[in-house]
Amino acid sequence: MKFKPPANLSLQGNLSENWRKFKQNFEIYLKASDKSTKADETKIAILLNIIGEDAVEVYNTFTLSETDMVSFPVLKAFDGHCSPKKNIVFERFKFYSRVQQEGEGFDQFLTDIKKLSKVPANLDY
């Protein structure tokens, strides 16, 4: 069975959010297409094939050892590049100042509140 690979990583707009979505879709694609058990070198090749030319240029700037270039620290390098540190004061401000907009459905508002309430792993205290 063939599965549609995820769309290229967009380096425009909210890079952190774009990376989070791309990474999740990529991991789902690997599992669905039964490629998650392949060697890391193969998974990196699949990643670089799918991620897009601009992101491959970012990959070329990483200072990884030869062994890291064929293992999954590549994903951690992209995590570091695409997900900058977040400030707890600003994250709290965004959460507490979020109000339901006129014409916005409650489900969408609740989804946004849940997203804002998640504590990011890369929080800068």
C-alpha atoms as a PDB file:
ATOM      1  CA  MET A   1       0.000   0.000   0.000  1.00  0.00           C
ATOM      2  CA  LYS A   2       1.337   3.462  -0.920  1.00  0.00           C
ATOM      3  CA  PHE A   3       1.059   6.383   1.454  1.00  0.00           C
ATOM      4  CA  LYS A   4       1.282  10.061   0.608  1.00  0.00           C
ATOM      5  CA  PRO A   5       4.451  11.590   2.077  1.00  0.00           C
ATOM      6  CA  PRO A   6       4.069  14.792   4.093  1.00  0.00           C
ATOM      7  CA  ALA A   7       4.367  18.165   2.381  1.00  0.00           C
ATOM      8  CA  ASN A   8       7.737  19.930   2.402  1.00  0.00           C
ATOM      9  CA  LEU A   9       8.734  21.807   5.547  1.00  0.00           C
ATOM     10  CA  SER A  10       7.800  25.466   5.165  1.00  0.00           C
ATOM     11  CA  LEU A  11      10.514  27.777   6.483  1.00  0.00           C
ATOM     12  CA  GLN A  12       8.167  30.775   6.192  1.00  0.00           C
ATOM     13  CA  GLY A  13       5.845  32.012   8.931  1.00  0.00           C
ATOM     14  CA  ASN A  14       5.840  30.260  12.307  1.00  0.00           C
ATOM     15  CA  LEU A  15       8.830  27.973  11.877  1.00  0.00           C
ATOM     16  CA  SER A  16       8.377  26.275  15.232  1.00  0.00           C
ATOM     17  CA  GLU A  17       4.771  25.327  14.481  1.00  0.00           C
ATOM     18  CA  ASN A  18       5.605  24.302  10.899  1.00  0.00           C
ATOM     19  CA  TRP A  19       8.387  22.019  12.181  1.00  0.00           C
ATOM     20  CA  ARG A  20       6.147  20.480  14.854  1.00  0.00           C
ATOM     21  CA  LYS A  21       3.514  19.622  12.234  1.00  0.00           C
ATOM     22  CA  PHE A  22       6.053  18.357   9.691  1.00  0.00           C
ATOM     23  CA  LYS A  23       7.819  16.174  12.276  1.00  0.00           C
ATOM     24  CA  GLN A  24       4.525  14.651  13.439  1.00  0.00           C
ATOM     25  CA  ASN A  25       3.431  13.954   9.848  1.00  0.00           C
ATOM     26  CA  PHE A  26       6.851  12.506   9.011  1.00  0.00           C
ATOM     27  CA  GLU A  27       6.739  10.134  11.994  1.00  0.00           C
ATOM     28  CA  ILE A  28       3.204   9.062  11.052  1.00  0.00           C
ATOM     29  CA  TYR A  29       4.352   8.484   7.461  1.00  0.00           C
ATOM     30  CA  LEU A  30       7.281   6.316   8.619  1.00  0.00           C
ATOM     31  CA  LYS A  31       4.998   4.173  10.783  1.00  0.00           C
ATOM     32  CA  ALA A  32       2.199   3.898   8.222  1.00  0.00           C
ATOM     33  CA  SER A  33       4.555   2.965   5.400  1.00  0.00           C
ATOM     34  CA  ASP A  34       6.353   0.465   7.651  1.00  0.00           C
ATOM     35  CA  LYS A  35       9.639   2.357   7.343  1.00  0.00           C
ATOM     36  CA  SER A  36      10.032   3.164  11.048  1.00  0.00           C
ATOM     37  CA  THR A  37      12.000  -0.063  11.526  1.00  0.00           C
ATOM     38  CA  LYS A  38      14.477   0.758   8.758  1.00  0.00           C
ATOM     39  CA  ALA A  39      18.048   1.764   9.551  1.00  0.00           C
ATOM     40  CA  ASP A  40      18.528   5.357  10.715  1.00  0.00           C
ATOM     41  CA  GLU A  41      20.585   6.085   7.601  1.00  0.00           C
ATOM     42  CA  THR A  42      17.604   5.144   5.425  1.00  0.00           C
ATOM     43  CA  LYS A  43      15.197   7.227   7.529  1.00  0.00           C
ATOM     44  CA  ILE A  44      17.486  10.264   7.227  1.00  0.00           C
ATOM     45  CA  ALA A  45      17.590   9.799   3.444  1.00  0.00           C
ATOM     46  CA  ILE A  46      13.772   9.644   3.381  1.00  0.00           C
ATOM     47  CA  LEU A  47      13.593  12.755   5.579  1.00  0.00           C
ATOM     48  CA  LEU A  48      15.955  14.722   3.352  1.00  0.00           C
ATOM     49  CA  ASN A  49      14.067  13.588   0.254  1.00  0.00           C
ATOM     50  CA  ILE A  50      10.726  14.766   1.644  1.00  0.00           C
ATOM     51  CA  ILE A  51      11.705  17.878   3.611  1.00  0.00           C
ATOM     52  CA  GLY A  52      12.365  20.150   0.621  1.00  0.00           C
ATOM     53  CA  GLU A  53      15.313  22.014  -0.889  1.00  0.00           C
ATOM     54  CA  ASP A  54      15.315  24.955   1.535  1.00  0.00           C
ATOM     55  CA  ALA A  55      15.381  22.646   4.553  1.00  0.00           C
ATOM     56  CA  VAL A  56      18.172  20.578   2.973  1.00  0.00           C
ATOM     57  CA  GLU A  57      20.173  23.816   2.806  1.00  0.00           C
ATOM     58  CA  VAL A  58      19.554  24.230   6.555  1.00  0.00           C
ATOM     59  CA  TYR A  59      20.669  20.611   7.057  1.00  0.00           C
ATOM     60  CA  ASN A  60      23.906  21.402   5.229  1.00  0.00           C
ATOM     61  CA  THR A  61      24.686  24.073   7.844  1.00  0.00           C
ATOM     62  CA  PHE A  62      24.507  21.654  10.801  1.00  0.00           C
ATOM     63  CA  THR A  63      27.816  20.767  12.426  1.00  0.00           C
ATOM     64  CA  LEU A  64      27.201  17.065  12.916  1.00  0.00           C
ATOM     65  CA  SER A  65      29.752  14.298  13.032  1.00  0.00           C
ATOM     66  CA  GLU A  66      29.799  11.710  10.243  1.00  0.00           C
ATOM     67  CA  THR A  67      28.005   9.201  12.478  1.00  0.00           C
ATOM     68  CA  ASP A  68      25.354  11.759  13.479  1.00  0.00           C
ATOM     69  CA  MET A  69      24.658  12.558   9.824  1.00  0.00           C
ATOM     70  CA  VAL A  70      23.384   9.015   9.350  1.00  0.00           C
ATOM     71  CA  SER A  71      21.493   8.667  12.638  1.00  0.00           C
ATOM     72  CA  PHE A  72      18.536  10.415  14.171  1.00  0.00           C
ATOM     73  CA  PRO A  73      20.388  13.271  15.946  1.00  0.00           C
ATOM     74  CA  VAL A  74      19.533  15.013  12.676  1.00  0.00           C
ATOM     75  CA  LEU A  75      15.968  15.407  13.981  1.00  0.00           C
ATOM     76  CA  LYS A  76      17.325  16.932  17.199  1.00  0.00           C
ATOM     77  CA  ALA A  77      19.392  19.370  15.135  1.00  0.00           C
ATOM     78  CA  PHE A  78      16.252  20.434  13.267  1.00  0.00           C
ATOM     79  CA  ASP A  79      14.447  20.704  16.632  1.00  0.00           C
ATOM     80  CA  GLY A  80      17.121  23.110  17.823  1.00  0.00           C
ATOM     81  CA  HIS A  81      17.012  25.135  14.619  1.00  0.00           C
ATOM     82  CA  CYS A  82      13.240  25.367  14.290  1.00  0.00           C
ATOM     83  CA  SER A  83      12.169  25.650  17.929  1.00  0.00           C
ATOM     84  CA  PRO A  84      13.753  28.625  19.659  1.00  0.00           C
ATOM     85  CA  LYS A  85      13.620  29.000  23.435  1.00  0.00           C
ATOM     86  CA  LYS A  86      10.315  30.338  24.700  1.00  0.00           C
ATOM     87  CA  ASN A  87       9.894  32.887  27.464  1.00  0.00           C
ATOM     88  CA  ILE A  88       7.536  31.790  30.262  1.00  0.00           C
ATOM     89  CA  VAL A  89       6.320  35.337  30.932  1.00  0.00           C
ATOM     90  CA  PHE A  90       5.337  35.826  27.304  1.00  0.00           C
ATOM     91  CA  GLU A  91       3.733  32.369  27.072  1.00  0.00           C
ATOM     92  CA  ARG A  92       1.618  33.143  30.148  1.00  0.00           C
ATOM     93  CA  PHE A  93       0.682  36.532  28.691  1.00  0.00           C
ATOM     94  CA  LYS A  94      -0.540  34.884  25.476  1.00  0.00           C
ATOM     95  CA  PHE A  95      -2.592  32.367  27.495  1.00  0.00           C
ATOM     96  CA  TYR A  96      -4.230  34.888  29.831  1.00  0.00           C
ATOM     97  CA  SER A  97      -4.943  37.442  27.114  1.00  0.00           C
ATOM     98  CA  ARG A  98      -6.625  34.941  24.758  1.00  0.00           C
ATOM     99  CA  VAL A  99     -10.332  35.736  24.451  1.00  0.00           C
ATOM    100  CA  GLN A 100     -12.951  34.174  22.253  1.00  0.00           C
ATOM    101  CA  GLN A 101     -13.356  36.257  19.105  1.00  0.00           C
ATOM    102  CA  GLU A 102     -16.719  37.284  17.724  1.00  0.00           C
ATOM    103  CA  GLY A 103     -17.955  34.604  15.348  1.00  0.00           C
ATOM    104  CA  GLU A 104     -15.347  32.089  16.559  1.00  0.00           C
ATOM    105  CA  GLY A 105     -16.741  28.704  17.465  1.00  0.00           C
ATOM    106  CA  PHE A 106     -16.253  27.446  21.005  1.00  0.00           C
ATOM    107  CA  ASP A 107     -14.498  24.309  19.766  1.00  0.00           C
ATOM    108  CA  GLN A 108     -11.829  26.377  17.987  1.00  0.00           C
ATOM    109  CA  PHE A 109     -11.430  28.633  21.039  1.00  0.00           C
ATOM    110  CA  LEU A 110     -11.056  25.625  23.344  1.00  0.00           C
ATOM    111  CA  THR A 111      -8.503  24.031  20.999  1.00  0.00           C
ATOM    112  CA  ASP A 112      -6.444  27.242  21.035  1.00  0.00           C
ATOM    113  CA  ILE A 113      -6.615  27.452  24.842  1.00  0.00           C
ATOM    114  CA  LYS A 114      -5.434  23.842  25.125  1.00  0.00           C
ATOM    115  CA  LYS A 115      -2.510  24.560  22.784  1.00  0.00           C
ATOM    116  CA  LEU A 116      -1.556  27.671  24.756  1.00  0.00           C
ATOM    117  CA  SER A 117      -1.759  25.794  28.065  1.00  0.00           C
ATOM    118  CA  LYS A 118       0.829  23.190  27.058  1.00  0.00           C
ATOM    119  CA  VAL A 119       4.186  23.816  28.690  1.00  0.00           C
ATOM    120  CA  PRO A 120       6.849  23.833  25.958  1.00  0.00           C
ATOM    121  CA  ALA A 121       9.851  21.588  26.514  1.00  0.00           C
ATOM    122  CA  ASN A 122      12.221  24.378  25.492  1.00  0.00           C
ATOM    123  CA  LEU A 123      10.957  26.941  28.019  1.00  0.00           C
ATOM    124  CA  ASP A 124      13.410  29.619  29.162  1.00  0.00           C
ATOM    125  CA  TYR A 125      12.751  30.531  32.801  1.00  0.00           C
END
